[in-house]
Amino acid sequence: MIFDASEYHVQLRVISQPQYLCVIRSAINVIGGKCGLSSTETDHVVLAVDEALTNVIRHGYNDAPDKSIDISIRPLNEAAGQGIEIVLDDECENVQVDQIQKRDLSELRPGGLGIHILYRIMDDVQYDQRPDMPGIRLTMRKFHKEPAD
């Protein structure tokens, strides 16, 4: 997949400090409605993006407070319907796509459900190694399915 940043309507960069994730949650909350998602669908996308960013900070960056994450957002208007696409680019050096796996749900313990949440909420989830530098690109897509509010 070739990434063309010019087609994205909103681009943000956040530093790897959890207190700034509220900015991204707010942006997704506003943009989701503009992309034709219901408020429930938008809330679900906010949760998925928050989980993904938290995973990058906690597991990819080992809670280092000085790393960056780029977020690109665009509306979708395709044969599959209206929706939103969100791309997260990190610079995690020690993470490979094949290491990103869902936890076995039969293990009863707290935490570790972020990837399950992503796949459950979003219609399309794709992890790729970044071709031009270390890191992972996570592309998530959500299409409108519920009646509008």
Protein backbone atom coordinates (compact mmCIF):
# COMPACT_ATOMS: atom_id res chain seq x y z
CA MET A 1 0.00 0.00 0.00
CA ILE A 2 1.46 3.34 -1.03
CA PHE A 3 0.74 6.11 1.43
CA ASP A 4 -0.11 9.45 -0.16
CA ALA A 5 -0.23 12.03 2.62
CA SER A 6 -1.79 14.62 0.27
CA GLU A 7 -5.12 12.74 0.26
CA TYR A 8 -5.52 13.01 4.05
CA HIS A 9 -7.68 15.86 5.32
CA VAL A 10 -6.32 16.01 8.86
CA GLN A 11 -2.79 15.26 9.98
CA LEU A 12 -1.66 15.41 13.58
CA ARG A 13 1.52 14.55 15.43
CA VAL A 14 1.37 13.70 19.10
CA ILE A 15 4.20 13.03 21.49
CA SER A 16 4.09 9.71 23.35
CA GLN A 17 2.57 11.05 26.55
CA PRO A 18 -0.88 9.69 27.45
CA GLN A 19 -2.18 13.06 28.70
CA TYR A 20 -2.21 14.31 25.09
CA LEU A 21 -4.40 11.50 23.78
CA CYS A 22 -7.45 13.58 24.70
CA VAL A 23 -6.61 15.85 21.75
CA ILE A 24 -6.78 12.91 19.35
CA ARG A 25 -9.99 11.60 20.97
CA SER A 26 -11.59 15.04 20.55
CA ALA A 27 -10.50 15.31 16.92
CA ILE A 28 -11.85 11.85 16.04
CA ASN A 29 -15.09 12.64 17.88
CA VAL A 30 -15.70 15.70 15.70
CA ILE A 31 -14.41 14.25 12.43
CA GLY A 32 -16.35 10.96 12.77
CA GLY A 33 -19.67 12.77 12.49
CA LYS A 34 -18.41 14.77 9.51
CA CYS A 35 -17.55 11.46 7.83
CA GLY A 36 -21.12 10.17 8.16
CA LEU A 37 -20.69 7.97 11.25
CA SER A 38 -23.36 7.84 13.94
CA SER A 39 -22.41 9.01 17.43
CA THR A 40 -22.18 5.38 18.58
CA GLU A 41 -19.93 4.45 15.66
CA THR A 42 -17.80 7.52 16.34
CA ASP A 43 -17.50 6.60 20.03
CA HIS A 44 -16.34 3.13 19.00
CA VAL A 45 -13.72 4.57 16.63
CA VAL A 46 -12.50 6.90 19.40
CA LEU A 47 -12.08 3.84 21.64
CA ALA A 48 -10.20 1.89 18.95
CA VAL A 49 -7.83 4.75 18.18
CA ASP A 50 -7.22 5.37 21.89
CA GLU A 51 -6.40 1.66 22.39
CA ALA A 52 -4.04 1.66 19.41
CA LEU A 53 -2.21 4.78 20.58
CA THR A 54 -1.97 3.44 24.13
CA ASN A 55 -0.45 0.21 22.77
CA VAL A 56 2.16 2.18 20.82
CA ILE A 57 3.10 4.23 23.87
CA ARG A 58 3.10 1.34 26.35
CA HIS A 59 4.44 -1.54 24.28
CA GLY A 60 6.16 0.00 21.26
CA TYR A 61 7.85 2.89 23.02
CA ASN A 62 8.05 1.29 26.51
CA ASP A 63 6.46 4.45 27.96
CA ALA A 64 9.24 6.70 26.64
CA PRO A 65 7.75 10.22 26.81
CA ASP A 66 9.63 11.76 23.88
CA LYS A 67 8.62 9.70 20.83
CA SER A 68 6.23 10.82 18.12
CA ILE A 69 3.15 9.26 16.56
CA ASP A 70 1.66 10.64 13.34
CA ILE A 71 -2.09 10.43 12.83
CA SER A 72 -3.69 10.92 9.40
CA ILE A 73 -7.45 11.01 8.93
CA ARG A 74 -9.62 11.10 5.84
CA PRO A 75 -13.27 10.60 5.02
CA LEU A 76 -14.23 7.59 2.92
CA ASN A 77 -16.87 7.68 0.23
CA GLU A 78 -16.54 4.39 -1.61
CA ALA A 79 -18.61 1.51 -2.88
CA ALA A 80 -18.42 0.10 0.66
CA GLY A 81 -20.06 3.28 1.91
CA GLN A 82 -19.25 6.42 3.85
CA GLY A 83 -16.80 6.26 6.68
CA ILE A 84 -13.42 7.20 8.03
CA GLU A 85 -9.85 6.01 7.56
CA ILE A 86 -7.24 6.60 10.23
CA VAL A 87 -3.55 5.86 9.77
CA LEU A 88 -1.17 5.75 12.73
CA ASP A 89 2.56 5.84 12.00
CA ASP A 90 4.98 5.12 14.81
CA GLU A 91 8.75 4.74 14.93
CA CYS A 92 8.94 1.64 17.12
CA GLU A 93 12.26 0.04 16.31
CA ASN A 94 11.86 -3.33 17.98
CA VAL A 95 8.36 -4.28 16.86
CA GLN A 96 7.63 -6.42 13.82
CA VAL A 97 4.18 -6.84 12.29
CA ASP A 98 4.21 -10.59 12.99
CA GLN A 99 4.69 -9.85 16.73
CA ILE A 100 1.34 -8.03 16.90
CA GLN A 101 -1.18 -10.67 17.86
CA LYS A 102 -4.46 -10.99 19.72
CA ARG A 103 -4.28 -12.52 23.16
CA ASP A 104 -6.04 -15.85 23.74
CA LEU A 105 -9.38 -14.84 25.24
CA SER A 106 -9.45 -17.99 27.37
CA GLU A 107 -6.74 -16.39 29.54
CA LEU A 108 -8.63 -14.64 32.29
CA ARG A 109 -6.50 -11.67 33.28
CA PRO A 110 -6.78 -7.91 33.08
CA GLY A 111 -5.41 -6.00 30.12
CA GLY A 112 -4.17 -7.12 26.74
CA LEU A 113 -7.45 -6.73 24.88
CA GLY A 114 -6.56 -3.68 22.78
CA ILE A 115 -5.97 -5.59 19.57
CA HIS A 116 -9.21 -7.54 20.03
CA ILE A 117 -11.02 -4.23 20.45
CA LEU A 118 -9.52 -2.88 17.21
CA TYR A 119 -10.60 -5.90 15.19
CA ARG A 120 -14.04 -5.99 16.78
CA ILE A 121 -14.82 -2.28 16.29
CA MET A 122 -13.20 -1.42 12.99
CA ASP A 123 -14.23 -2.85 9.62
CA ASP A 124 -10.66 -3.10 8.36
CA VAL A 125 -7.41 -3.23 10.34
CA GLN A 126 -4.05 -3.54 8.63
CA TYR A 127 -0.55 -3.47 10.14
CA ASP A 128 2.41 -2.84 7.83
CA GLN A 129 6.10 -2.23 8.35
CA ARG A 130 6.89 1.33 7.34
CA PRO A 131 8.84 1.11 4.09
CA ASP A 132 10.98 4.20 4.56
CA MET A 133 11.93 4.01 8.24
CA PRO A 134 11.60 1.88 11.35
CA GLY A 135 8.13 1.52 12.72
CA ILE A 136 4.63 0.28 12.09
CA ARG A 137 1.81 1.77 10.06
CA LEU A 138 -1.64 0.88 11.34
CA THR A 139 -4.49 1.60 8.94
CA MET A 140 -8.03 1.39 10.32
CA ARG A 141 -11.28 1.89 8.44
CA LYS A 142 -14.81 2.19 9.71
CA PHE A 143 -17.91 2.42 7.50
CA HIS A 144 -21.28 3.83 8.50
CA LYS A 145 -23.82 1.07 9.23
CA GLU A 146 -26.17 2.49 11.86
CA PRO A 147 -29.00 4.97 11.40
CA ALA A 148 -27.75 8.56 11.65
CA ASP A 149 -28.41 10.47 14.88
